[in-house]
């Protein structure tokens, strides 16, 4: 189960990095606040969930962290970088 949670965290990180790189062709360079929030939230949630609930807790914590971090980052993009927010919202 420990290897599964590590594999899940690795695949999540790869997914975030690939999706950000694929969209960065005609937009500002770097990660959006939404992507940063999702990555940080997923990593933090996996660590806390793993400490509190073991392997299954790590998966649940990572999922909740990704969603929560993505929502917080999306709201920050909406306020501080409206052009980037409109670009990914209209897809």
Protein backbone atom coordinates (compact mmCIF):
# COMPACT_ATOMS: atom_id res chain seq x y z
CA UNK A 1 0.00 0.00 0.00
CA UNK A 2 2.93 2.30 0.68
CA UNK A 3 4.22 1.87 -2.86
CA UNK A 4 0.74 2.61 -4.23
CA UNK A 5 0.55 5.92 -2.39
CA UNK A 6 4.01 6.89 -3.64
CA UNK A 7 3.02 5.94 -7.19
CA UNK A 8 -0.18 7.99 -6.85
CA UNK A 9 1.73 11.04 -5.61
CA UNK A 10 4.29 10.70 -8.42
CA UNK A 11 1.60 10.37 -11.10
CA UNK A 12 -0.24 13.35 -9.65
CA UNK A 13 2.91 15.46 -9.82
CA UNK A 14 3.60 14.36 -13.40
CA UNK A 15 0.01 15.16 -14.40
CA UNK A 16 0.22 18.66 -12.97
CA UNK A 17 3.59 19.34 -14.60
CA UNK A 18 2.55 18.01 -18.01
CA UNK A 19 -0.75 19.87 -18.06
CA UNK A 20 0.99 23.11 -17.12
CA UNK A 21 3.71 22.67 -19.75
CA UNK A 22 1.22 21.84 -22.48
CA UNK A 23 -0.76 25.04 -21.89
CA UNK A 24 2.20 27.38 -21.46
CA UNK A 25 2.77 28.02 -25.17
CA UNK A 26 0.88 31.28 -25.60
CA UNK A 27 0.37 32.27 -21.98
CA UNK A 28 2.59 33.78 -19.32
CA UNK A 29 5.42 31.48 -18.35
CA UNK A 30 5.49 29.63 -15.07
CA UNK A 31 2.90 27.92 -12.98
CA UNK A 32 -0.45 29.49 -12.28
CA UNK A 33 -1.52 29.89 -8.70
CA UNK A 34 -4.10 27.17 -9.33
CA UNK A 35 -1.40 24.66 -10.33
CA UNK A 36 0.85 25.65 -7.45
CA UNK A 37 -2.01 25.34 -4.98
CA UNK A 38 -2.97 21.91 -6.31
CA UNK A 39 0.62 20.63 -6.16
CA UNK A 40 1.32 21.98 -2.69
CA UNK A 41 -2.08 20.89 -1.38
CA UNK A 42 -1.68 17.39 -2.79
CA UNK A 43 1.78 16.94 -1.32
CA UNK A 44 0.82 18.35 2.05
CA UNK A 45 -2.41 16.37 2.16
CA UNK A 46 -0.59 13.14 1.33
CA UNK A 47 1.97 13.73 4.08
CA UNK A 48 -0.59 14.60 6.75
CA UNK A 49 -2.96 11.84 5.64
CA UNK A 50 -0.13 9.32 5.67
CA UNK A 51 0.88 10.31 9.18
CA UNK A 52 -2.67 10.17 10.51
CA UNK A 53 -4.24 7.34 8.55
CA UNK A 54 -1.57 5.28 6.85
CA UNK A 55 -1.74 4.42 3.14
CA UNK A 56 -5.45 4.98 2.67
CA UNK A 57 -5.27 8.22 4.61
CA UNK A 58 -2.48 9.43 2.33
CA UNK A 59 -4.66 8.89 -0.73
CA UNK A 60 -7.62 10.65 0.82
CA UNK A 61 -5.43 13.49 2.08
CA UNK A 62 -3.80 13.93 -1.33
CA UNK A 63 -7.18 14.08 -3.06
CA UNK A 64 -8.59 16.58 -0.62
CA UNK A 65 -5.38 18.63 -0.77
CA UNK A 66 -5.39 18.79 -4.57
CA UNK A 67 -9.00 19.92 -4.72
CA UNK A 68 -8.63 22.42 -1.87
CA UNK A 69 -5.33 23.82 -3.11
CA UNK A 70 -6.68 24.11 -6.64
CA UNK A 71 -9.74 26.02 -5.46
CA UNK A 72 -7.70 28.43 -3.36
CA UNK A 73 -5.24 28.99 -6.22
CA UNK A 74 -8.09 29.52 -8.68
CA UNK A 75 -9.53 32.25 -6.50
CA UNK A 76 -6.10 33.89 -6.25
CA UNK A 77 -5.72 33.77 -10.04
CA UNK A 78 -9.16 35.32 -10.41
CA UNK A 79 -8.18 38.26 -8.21
CA UNK A 80 -4.51 38.81 -9.09
CA UNK A 81 -4.16 37.57 -12.69
CA UNK A 82 -7.51 37.90 -14.50
CA UNK A 83 -6.02 37.24 -17.97
CA UNK A 84 -4.72 33.81 -16.95
CA UNK A 85 -7.97 33.02 -15.15
CA UNK A 86 -10.06 33.88 -18.22
CA UNK A 87 -7.79 31.80 -20.43
CA UNK A 88 -8.28 28.53 -18.53
CA UNK A 89 -11.87 29.26 -17.56
CA UNK A 90 -13.04 29.58 -21.18
CA UNK A 91 -11.79 26.13 -22.23
